[in-house]
PDB file of all heavy atoms in Angstrom:
ATOM      1  N   LEU A   1     -80.901  20.124   9.777  1.00  0.00           N
ATOM      2  CA  LEU A   1     -81.127  20.307   8.339  1.00  0.00           C
ATOM      3  C   LEU A   1     -82.538  20.830   8.078  1.00  0.00           C
ATOM      4  O   LEU A   1     -82.742  21.667   7.196  1.00  0.00           O
ATOM      5  CB  LEU A   1     -80.895  18.992   7.602  1.00  0.00           C
ATOM      6  CG  LEU A   1     -79.465  18.466   7.582  1.00  0.00           C
ATOM      7  CD1 LEU A   1     -79.400  17.086   6.938  1.00  0.00           C
ATOM      8  CD2 LEU A   1     -78.551  19.438   6.827  1.00  0.00           C
ATOM      9  N   ASP A   2     -83.514  20.339   8.864  1.00  0.00           N
ATOM     10  CA  ASP A   2     -84.887  20.835   8.743  1.00  0.00           C
ATOM     11  C   ASP A   2     -84.942  22.340   8.995  1.00  0.00           C
ATOM     12  O   ASP A   2     -85.588  23.087   8.251  1.00  0.00           O
ATOM     13  CB  ASP A   2     -85.808  20.128   9.755  1.00  0.00           C
ATOM     14  CG  ASP A   2     -86.374  18.834   9.217  1.00  0.00           C
ATOM     15  OD1 ASP A   2     -86.150  18.546   8.018  1.00  0.00           O
ATOM     16  OD2 ASP A   2     -87.031  18.104   9.976  1.00  0.00           O
ATOM     17  N   LYS A   3     -84.254  22.772  10.052  1.00  0.00           N
ATOM     18  CA  LYS A   3     -84.268  24.199  10.393  1.00  0.00           C
ATOM     19  C   LYS A   3     -83.650  25.030   9.276  1.00  0.00           C
ATOM     20  O   LYS A   3     -84.190  26.066   8.872  1.00  0.00           O
ATOM     21  CB  LYS A   3     -83.500  24.436  11.688  1.00  0.00           C
ATOM     22  CG  LYS A   3     -84.213  23.961  12.945  1.00  0.00           C
ATOM     23  CD  LYS A   3     -83.383  24.275  14.183  1.00  0.00           C
ATOM     24  CE  LYS A   3     -84.074  23.800  15.447  1.00  0.00           C
ATOM     25  NZ  LYS A   3     -83.247  24.082  16.643  1.00  0.00           N
ATOM     26  N   MET A   4     -82.491  24.581   8.758  1.00  0.00           N
ATOM     27  CA  MET A   4     -81.827  25.310   7.689  1.00  0.00           C
ATOM     28  C   MET A   4     -82.691  25.358   6.435  1.00  0.00           C
ATOM     29  O   MET A   4     -82.803  26.389   5.765  1.00  0.00           O
ATOM     30  CB  MET A   4     -80.482  24.650   7.383  1.00  0.00           C
ATOM     31  CG  MET A   4     -79.459  24.802   8.478  1.00  0.00           C
ATOM     32  SD  MET A   4     -77.971  23.792   8.160  1.00  0.00           S
ATOM     33  CE  MET A   4     -77.410  24.495   6.616  1.00  0.00           C
ATOM     34  N   PHE A   5     -83.313  24.214   6.140  1.00  0.00           N
ATOM     35  CA  PHE A   5     -84.154  24.136   4.935  1.00  0.00           C
ATOM     36  C   PHE A   5     -85.322  25.112   5.034  1.00  0.00           C
ATOM     37  O   PHE A   5     -85.587  25.886   4.105  1.00  0.00           O
ATOM     38  CB  PHE A   5     -84.677  22.711   4.776  1.00  0.00           C
ATOM     39  CG  PHE A   5     -85.706  22.567   3.676  1.00  0.00           C
ATOM     40  CD1 PHE A   5     -85.317  22.606   2.350  1.00  0.00           C
ATOM     41  CD2 PHE A   5     -87.045  22.397   3.973  1.00  0.00           C
ATOM     42  CE1 PHE A   5     -86.254  22.491   1.335  1.00  0.00           C
ATOM     43  CE2 PHE A   5     -87.985  22.276   2.970  1.00  0.00           C
ATOM     44  CZ  PHE A   5     -87.588  22.326   1.637  1.00  0.00           C
ATOM     45  N   LEU A   6     -86.009  25.113   6.167  1.00  0.00           N
ATOM     46  CA  LEU A   6     -87.187  25.967   6.315  1.00  0.00           C
ATOM     47  C   LEU A   6     -86.825  27.441   6.402  1.00  0.00           C
ATOM     48  O   LEU A   6     -87.521  28.282   5.852  1.00  0.00           O
ATOM     49  CB  LEU A   6     -87.995  25.538   7.544  1.00  0.00           C
ATOM     50  CG  LEU A   6     -88.639  24.162   7.421  1.00  0.00           C
ATOM     51  CD1 LEU A   6     -89.274  23.741   8.748  1.00  0.00           C
ATOM     52  CD2 LEU A   6     -89.679  24.140   6.313  1.00  0.00           C
ATOM     53  N   ARG A   7     -85.720  27.755   7.054  1.00  0.00           N
ATOM     54  CA  ARG A   7     -85.291  29.160   7.117  1.00  0.00           C
ATOM     55  C   ARG A   7     -84.985  29.690   5.723  1.00  0.00           C
ATOM     56  O   ARG A   7     -85.336  30.817   5.379  1.00  0.00           O
ATOM     57  CB  ARG A   7     -84.072  29.297   8.018  1.00  0.00           C
ATOM     58  CG  ARG A   7     -84.381  29.162   9.505  1.00  0.00           C
ATOM     59  CD  ARG A   7     -83.119  29.108  10.331  1.00  0.00           C
ATOM     60  NE  ARG A   7     -83.423  28.915  11.746  1.00  0.00           N
ATOM     61  CZ  ARG A   7     -82.495  28.638  12.673  1.00  0.00           C
ATOM     62  NH1 ARG A   7     -81.222  28.560  12.324  1.00  0.00           N
ATOM     63  NH2 ARG A   7     -82.844  28.471  13.933  1.00  0.00           N
ATOM     64  N   GLY A   8     -84.303  28.852   4.925  1.00  0.00           N
ATOM     65  CA  GLY A   8     -83.985  29.266   3.561  1.00  0.00           C
ATOM     66  C   GLY A   8     -85.215  29.356   2.691  1.00  0.00           C
ATOM     67  O   GLY A   8     -85.349  30.272   1.867  1.00  0.00           O
ATOM     68  N   LEU A   9     -86.131  28.426   2.857  1.00  0.00           N
ATOM     69  CA  LEU A   9     -87.334  28.389   2.023  1.00  0.00           C
ATOM     70  C   LEU A   9     -88.262  29.549   2.344  1.00  0.00           C
ATOM     71  O   LEU A   9     -88.831  30.182   1.446  1.00  0.00           O
ATOM     72  CB  LEU A   9     -88.082  27.074   2.244  1.00  0.00           C
ATOM     73  CG  LEU A   9     -89.342  26.856   1.397  1.00  0.00           C
ATOM     74  CD1 LEU A   9     -88.979  26.811  -0.090  1.00  0.00           C
ATOM     75  CD2 LEU A   9     -90.040  25.570   1.801  1.00  0.00           C
ATOM     76  N   LEU A  10     -88.438  29.838   3.632  1.00  0.00           N
ATOM     77  CA  LEU A  10     -89.339  30.918   4.022  1.00  0.00           C
ATOM     78  C   LEU A  10     -88.746  32.280   3.715  1.00  0.00           C
ATOM     79  O   LEU A  10     -89.467  33.245   3.518  1.00  0.00           O
ATOM     80  CB  LEU A  10     -89.688  30.821   5.506  1.00  0.00           C
ATOM     81  CG  LEU A  10     -90.355  29.503   5.933  1.00  0.00           C
ATOM     82  CD1 LEU A  10     -90.735  29.544   7.390  1.00  0.00           C
ATOM     83  CD2 LEU A  10     -91.576  29.204   5.080  1.00  0.00           C
ATOM     84  N   GLY A  11     -87.392  32.339   3.671  1.00  0.00           N
ATOM     85  CA  GLY A  11     -86.727  33.557   3.251  1.00  0.00           C
ATOM     86  C   GLY A  11     -86.765  34.669   4.293  1.00  0.00           C
ATOM     87  O   GLY A  11     -87.587  34.678   5.208  1.00  0.00           O
ATOM     88  N   GLU A  12     -85.832  35.574   4.144  1.00  0.00           N
ATOM     89  CA  GLU A  12     -85.805  36.781   4.978  1.00  0.00           C
ATOM     90  C   GLU A  12     -85.662  37.971   4.047  1.00  0.00           C
ATOM     91  O   GLU A  12     -85.077  37.882   2.971  1.00  0.00           O
ATOM     92  CB  GLU A  12     -84.627  36.746   5.968  1.00  0.00           C
ATOM     93  CG  GLU A  12     -84.685  35.612   6.978  1.00  0.00           C
ATOM     94  CD  GLU A  12     -85.788  35.787   8.010  1.00  0.00           C
ATOM     95  OE1 GLU A  12     -86.486  36.825   7.947  1.00  0.00           O
ATOM     96  OE2 GLU A  12     -85.945  34.892   8.849  1.00  0.00           O
ATOM     97  N   SER A  13     -86.170  39.105   4.449  1.00  0.00           N
ATOM     98  CA  SER A  13     -86.089  40.297   3.614  1.00  0.00           C
ATOM     99  C   SER A  13     -84.647  40.777   3.513  1.00  0.00           C
ATOM    100  O   SER A  13     -83.812  40.520   4.377  1.00  0.00           O
ATOM    101  CB  SER A  13     -86.954  41.419   4.213  1.00  0.00           C
ATOM    102  OG  SER A  13     -86.401  41.863   5.436  1.00  0.00           O
ATOM    103  N   ASP A  14     -84.364  41.539   2.431  1.00  0.00           N
ATOM    104  CA  ASP A  14     -83.023  42.118   2.271  1.00  0.00           C
ATOM    105  C   ASP A  14     -82.671  43.018   3.447  1.00  0.00           C
ATOM    106  O   ASP A  14     -81.544  43.050   3.927  1.00  0.00           O
ATOM    107  CB  ASP A  14     -82.949  42.924   0.963  1.00  0.00           C
ATOM    108  CG  ASP A  14     -83.015  42.033  -0.268  1.00  0.00           C
ATOM    109  OD1 ASP A  14     -82.743  40.830  -0.134  1.00  0.00           O
ATOM    110  OD2 ASP A  14     -83.325  42.537  -1.363  1.00  0.00           O
ATOM    111  N   GLU A  15     -83.686  43.775   3.921  1.00  0.00           N
ATOM    112  CA  GLU A  15     -83.465  44.681   5.052  1.00  0.00           C
ATOM    113  C   GLU A  15     -83.058  43.898   6.294  1.00  0.00           C
ATOM    114  O   GLU A  15     -82.137  44.295   7.004  1.00  0.00           O
ATOM    115  CB  GLU A  15     -84.734  45.477   5.334  1.00  0.00           C
ATOM    116  CG  GLU A  15     -84.589  46.469   6.482  1.00  0.00           C
ATOM    117  CD  GLU A  15     -85.881  47.226   6.749  1.00  0.00           C
ATOM    118  OE1 GLU A  15     -86.852  47.022   6.005  1.00  0.00           O
ATOM    119  OE2 GLU A  15     -85.900  48.014   7.711  1.00  0.00           O
ATOM    120  N   TYR A  16     -83.705  42.745   6.534  1.00  0.00           N
ATOM    121  CA  TYR A  16     -83.382  41.919   7.689  1.00  0.00           C
ATOM    122  C   TYR A  16     -81.933  41.426   7.587  1.00  0.00           C
ATOM    123  O   TYR A  16     -81.172  41.504   8.544  1.00  0.00           O
ATOM    124  CB  TYR A  16     -84.341  40.727   7.761  1.00  0.00           C
ATOM    125  CG  TYR A  16     -84.043  39.738   8.872  1.00  0.00           C
ATOM    126  CD1 TYR A  16     -84.589  39.914  10.139  1.00  0.00           C
ATOM    127  CD2 TYR A  16     -83.198  38.655   8.666  1.00  0.00           C
ATOM    128  CE1 TYR A  16     -84.315  39.016  11.167  1.00  0.00           C
ATOM    129  CE2 TYR A  16     -82.914  37.761   9.691  1.00  0.00           C
ATOM    130  CZ  TYR A  16     -83.479  37.945  10.926  1.00  0.00           C
ATOM    131  OH  TYR A  16     -83.197  37.057  11.932  1.00  0.00           O
ATOM    132  N   ILE A  17     -81.566  40.954   6.404  1.00  0.00           N
ATOM    133  CA  ILE A  17     -80.208  40.427   6.201  1.00  0.00           C
ATOM    134  C   ILE A  17     -79.169  41.525   6.356  1.00  0.00           C
ATOM    135  O   ILE A  17     -78.130  41.351   6.993  1.00  0.00           O
ATOM    136  CB  ILE A  17     -80.089  39.767   4.809  1.00  0.00           C
ATOM    137  CG1 ILE A  17     -80.997  38.528   4.752  1.00  0.00           C
ATOM    138  CG2 ILE A  17     -78.658  39.377   4.500  1.00  0.00           C
ATOM    139  CD1 ILE A  17     -81.131  37.918   3.381  1.00  0.00           C
ATOM    140  N   GLU A  18     -79.472  42.713   5.783  1.00  0.00           N
ATOM    141  CA  GLU A  18     -78.529  43.827   5.886  1.00  0.00           C
ATOM    142  C   GLU A  18     -78.343  44.232   7.340  1.00  0.00           C
ATOM    143  O   GLU A  18     -77.221  44.500   7.779  1.00  0.00           O
ATOM    144  CB  GLU A  18     -79.053  45.013   5.069  1.00  0.00           C
ATOM    145  CG  GLU A  18     -78.929  44.782   3.559  1.00  0.00           C
ATOM    146  CD  GLU A  18     -79.663  45.844   2.772  1.00  0.00           C
ATOM    147  OE1 GLU A  18     -80.189  46.781   3.408  1.00  0.00           O
ATOM    148  OE2 GLU A  18     -79.706  45.735   1.529  1.00  0.00           O
ATOM    149  N   ASN A  19     -79.420  44.266   8.102  1.00  0.00           N
ATOM    150  CA  ASN A  19     -79.326  44.633   9.518  1.00  0.00           C
ATOM    151  C   ASN A  19     -78.488  43.624  10.290  1.00  0.00           C
ATOM    152  O   ASN A  19     -77.758  43.969  11.213  1.00  0.00           O
ATOM    153  CB  ASN A  19     -80.717  44.743  10.140  1.00  0.00           C
ATOM    154  CG  ASN A  19     -81.463  45.981   9.666  1.00  0.00           C
ATOM    155  OD1 ASN A  19     -80.848  46.960   9.242  1.00  0.00           O
ATOM    156  ND2 ASN A  19     -82.782  45.935   9.731  1.00  0.00           N
ATOM    157  N   LYS A  20     -78.633  42.336   9.919  1.00  0.00           N
ATOM    158  CA  LYS A  20     -77.911  41.282  10.620  1.00  0.00           C
ATOM    159  C   LYS A  20     -76.433  41.310  10.287  1.00  0.00           C
ATOM    160  O   LYS A  20     -75.603  40.831  11.062  1.00  0.00           O
ATOM    161  CB  LYS A  20     -78.493  39.908  10.245  1.00  0.00           C
ATOM    162  CG  LYS A  20     -79.807  39.580  10.932  1.00  0.00           C
ATOM    163  CD  LYS A  20     -79.600  39.366  12.438  1.00  0.00           C
ATOM    164  CE  LYS A  20     -80.865  38.927  13.128  1.00  0.00           C
ATOM    165  NZ  LYS A  20     -80.664  38.722  14.572  1.00  0.00           N
ATOM    166  N   THR A  21     -76.082  41.824   9.093  1.00  0.00           N
ATOM    167  CA  THR A  21     -74.698  41.793   8.653  1.00  0.00           C
ATOM    168  C   THR A  21     -73.969  43.109   8.788  1.00  0.00           C
ATOM    169  O   THR A  21     -72.807  43.221   8.450  1.00  0.00           O
ATOM    170  CB  THR A  21     -74.619  41.318   7.183  1.00  0.00           C
ATOM    171  OG1 THR A  21     -75.446  42.187   6.386  1.00  0.00           O
ATOM    172  CG2 THR A  21     -75.103  39.906   7.032  1.00  0.00           C
ATOM    173  N   LYS A  22     -74.673  44.170   9.262  1.00  0.00           N
ATOM    174  CA  LYS A  22     -74.014  45.462   9.447  1.00  0.00           C
ATOM    175  C   LYS A  22     -72.953  45.381  10.530  1.00  0.00           C
ATOM    176  O   LYS A  22     -73.201  44.807  11.593  1.00  0.00           O
ATOM    177  CB  LYS A  22     -75.053  46.532   9.848  1.00  0.00           C
ATOM    178  CG  LYS A  22     -75.842  47.091   8.671  1.00  0.00           C
ATOM    179  CD  LYS A  22     -76.800  48.163   9.170  1.00  0.00           C
ATOM    180  CE  LYS A  22     -77.613  48.740   8.026  1.00  0.00           C
ATOM    181  NZ  LYS A  22     -78.605  49.719   8.519  1.00  0.00           N
ATOM    182  N   PRO A  23     -71.751  45.939  10.296  1.00  0.00           N
ATOM    183  CA  PRO A  23     -70.737  45.917  11.342  1.00  0.00           C
ATOM    184  C   PRO A  23     -71.146  46.823  12.496  1.00  0.00           C
ATOM    185  O   PRO A  23     -71.828  47.844  12.314  1.00  0.00           O
ATOM    186  CB  PRO A  23     -69.502  46.504  10.628  1.00  0.00           C
ATOM    187  CG  PRO A  23     -70.058  47.323   9.486  1.00  0.00           C
ATOM    188  CD  PRO A  23     -71.305  46.606   9.067  1.00  0.00           C
ATOM    189  N   GLU A  24     -70.793  46.419  13.688  1.00  0.00           N
ATOM    190  CA  GLU A  24     -71.146  47.230  14.857  1.00  0.00           C
ATOM    191  C   GLU A  24     -70.327  48.516  14.849  1.00  0.00           C
ATOM    192  O   GLU A  24     -69.162  48.538  14.435  1.00  0.00           O
ATOM    193  CB  GLU A  24     -70.855  46.428  16.131  1.00  0.00           C
ATOM    194  CG  GLU A  24     -71.748  45.217  16.306  1.00  0.00           C
ATOM    195  CD  GLU A  24     -71.472  44.525  17.613  1.00  0.00           C
ATOM    196  OE1 GLU A  24     -70.645  45.040  18.389  1.00  0.00           O
ATOM    197  OE2 GLU A  24     -72.074  43.466  17.876  1.00  0.00           O
ATOM    198  N   LYS A  25     -70.970  49.615  15.315  1.00  0.00           N
ATOM    199  CA  LYS A  25     -70.274  50.897  15.361  1.00  0.00           C
ATOM    200  C   LYS A  25     -69.224  50.868  16.465  1.00  0.00           C
ATOM    201  O   LYS A  25     -69.436  50.310  17.526  1.00  0.00           O
ATOM    202  CB  LYS A  25     -71.292  52.018  15.651  1.00  0.00           C
ATOM    203  CG  LYS A  25     -72.267  52.253  14.514  1.00  0.00           C
ATOM    204  CD  LYS A  25     -73.213  53.396  14.858  1.00  0.00           C
ATOM    205  CE  LYS A  25     -74.190  53.660  13.721  1.00  0.00           C
ATOM    206  NZ  LYS A  25     -75.108  54.772  14.045  1.00  0.00           N
ATOM    207  N   GLU A  26     -68.101  51.496  16.141  1.00  0.00           N
ATOM    208  CA  GLU A  26     -67.053  51.580  17.143  1.00  0.00           C
ATOM    209  C   GLU A  26     -67.452  52.583  18.203  1.00  0.00           C
ATOM    210  O   GLU A  26     -68.047  53.610  17.928  1.00  0.00           O
ATOM    211  CB  GLU A  26     -65.746  52.027  16.479  1.00  0.00           C
ATOM    212  CG  GLU A  26     -65.197  50.961  15.521  1.00  0.00           C
ATOM    213  CD  GLU A  26     -63.858  51.385  14.955  1.00  0.00           C
ATOM    214  OE1 GLU A  26     -63.332  52.430  15.413  1.00  0.00           O
ATOM    215  OE2 GLU A  26     -63.333  50.691  14.096  1.00  0.00           O
ATOM    216  N   ILE A  27     -67.124  52.249  19.435  1.00  0.00           N
ATOM    217  CA  ILE A  27     -67.458  53.148  20.558  1.00  0.00           C
ATOM    218  C   ILE A  27     -66.273  54.048  20.837  1.00  0.00           C
ATOM    219  O   ILE A  27     -65.151  53.594  20.915  1.00  0.00           O
ATOM    220  CB  ILE A  27     -67.798  52.312  21.842  1.00  0.00           C
ATOM    221  CG1 ILE A  27     -69.029  51.450  21.527  1.00  0.00           C
ATOM    222  CG2 ILE A  27     -68.061  53.240  23.016  1.00  0.00           C
ATOM    223  CD1 ILE A  27     -69.400  50.524  22.661  1.00  0.00           C
TER     224      ILE A  27
END
């Protein structure tokens, strides 16, 4: 819970989130 709390509080940029959620390209 500490980890989740601090990750949410410190925040991540929209670009970071978008990169993490982009679907992988088909090969």
